[in-house]
Amino acid sequence: MGKLKKLNGNGMKRLLILSVLLLAACADPARNLYEGIKANSDAQRTPMERAAQPAPDYDSYKKSLEDVEVK
């Protein structure tokens, strides 16, 4: 119980900041950026356009970029 009393004020702030940093480290910012741009462009297209030519997912996009770099 004594250790829990020490986690007030600055201790809780530090714990919160550490938790947020750990969660942010798990995210892939390139994937998130790509998915956001894809969602935005999909929202501007008509349903017929989306059905005729769907945008590739991030993994397919990344693989195509790697293939271009190898050539």
Protein backbone atom coordinates (compact mmCIF):
# COMPACT_ATOMS: atom_id res chain seq x y z
CA MET A 1 0.00 0.00 0.00
CA GLY A 2 2.95 2.33 0.64
CA LYS A 3 4.10 2.15 -2.98
CA LEU A 4 0.67 3.14 -4.28
CA LYS A 5 0.73 6.33 -2.24
CA LYS A 6 3.93 7.38 -4.02
CA LEU A 7 2.15 7.33 -7.40
CA ASN A 8 0.46 10.69 -7.03
CA GLY A 9 1.07 13.95 -8.88
CA ASN A 10 4.37 13.63 -10.73
CA GLY A 11 4.47 9.85 -10.45
CA MET A 12 1.11 9.46 -12.18
CA LYS A 13 2.12 11.95 -14.88
CA ARG A 14 5.32 10.02 -15.54
CA LEU A 15 3.42 6.74 -15.69
CA LEU A 16 0.92 8.24 -18.14
CA ILE A 17 3.66 9.68 -20.36
CA LEU A 18 5.53 6.38 -20.34
CA SER A 19 2.35 4.49 -21.27
CA VAL A 20 1.60 6.85 -24.15
CA LEU A 21 5.15 6.58 -25.47
CA LEU A 22 5.05 2.80 -25.35
CA LEU A 23 1.76 2.70 -27.22
CA ALA A 24 3.02 5.17 -29.81
CA ALA A 25 6.12 3.07 -30.40
CA CYS A 26 3.92 0.15 -31.43
CA ALA A 27 2.16 2.07 -34.18
CA ASP A 28 3.46 2.16 -37.75
CA PRO A 29 3.20 5.81 -38.82
CA ALA A 30 3.74 5.03 -42.52
CA ARG A 31 0.87 2.53 -42.49
CA ASN A 32 -1.38 4.96 -40.64
CA LEU A 33 -0.57 7.76 -43.09
CA TYR A 34 -1.23 5.50 -46.09
CA GLU A 35 -4.51 4.21 -44.67
CA GLY A 36 -5.65 7.78 -43.91
CA ILE A 37 -4.88 8.99 -47.43
CA LYS A 38 -6.55 5.89 -48.89
CA ALA A 39 -9.69 6.45 -46.80
CA ASN A 40 -9.81 10.10 -47.83
CA SER A 41 -9.49 9.33 -51.52
CA ASP A 42 -12.04 6.49 -51.25
CA ALA A 43 -14.51 8.88 -49.65
CA GLN A 44 -14.23 11.18 -52.67
CA ARG A 45 -14.83 8.39 -55.20
CA THR A 46 -18.23 7.08 -56.23
CA PRO A 47 -19.27 3.55 -55.26
CA MET A 48 -18.95 2.50 -58.91
CA GLU A 49 -15.35 3.79 -59.05
CA ARG A 50 -14.47 2.00 -55.81
CA ALA A 51 -15.97 -1.27 -57.07
CA ALA A 52 -14.26 -1.04 -60.47
CA GLN A 53 -10.78 -0.28 -59.15
CA PRO A 54 -10.27 -0.71 -55.40
CA ALA A 55 -7.19 0.86 -53.83
CA PRO A 56 -4.53 -1.63 -52.73
CA ASP A 57 -3.99 -2.29 -49.05
CA TYR A 58 -0.78 -1.11 -47.37
CA ASP A 59 1.00 -4.45 -47.61
CA SER A 60 0.44 -4.65 -51.38
CA TYR A 61 1.52 -1.03 -51.77
CA LYS A 62 4.71 -1.61 -49.77
CA LYS A 63 5.53 -4.77 -51.75
CA SER A 64 5.11 -2.93 -55.06
CA LEU A 65 7.46 -0.18 -53.83
CA GLU A 66 10.06 -2.78 -52.84
CA ASP A 67 9.74 -4.43 -56.26
CA VAL A 68 10.38 -1.08 -57.98
CA GLU A 69 13.44 -0.40 -55.81
CA VAL A 70 14.93 -3.81 -56.66
CA LYS A 71 14.68 -3.23 -60.44
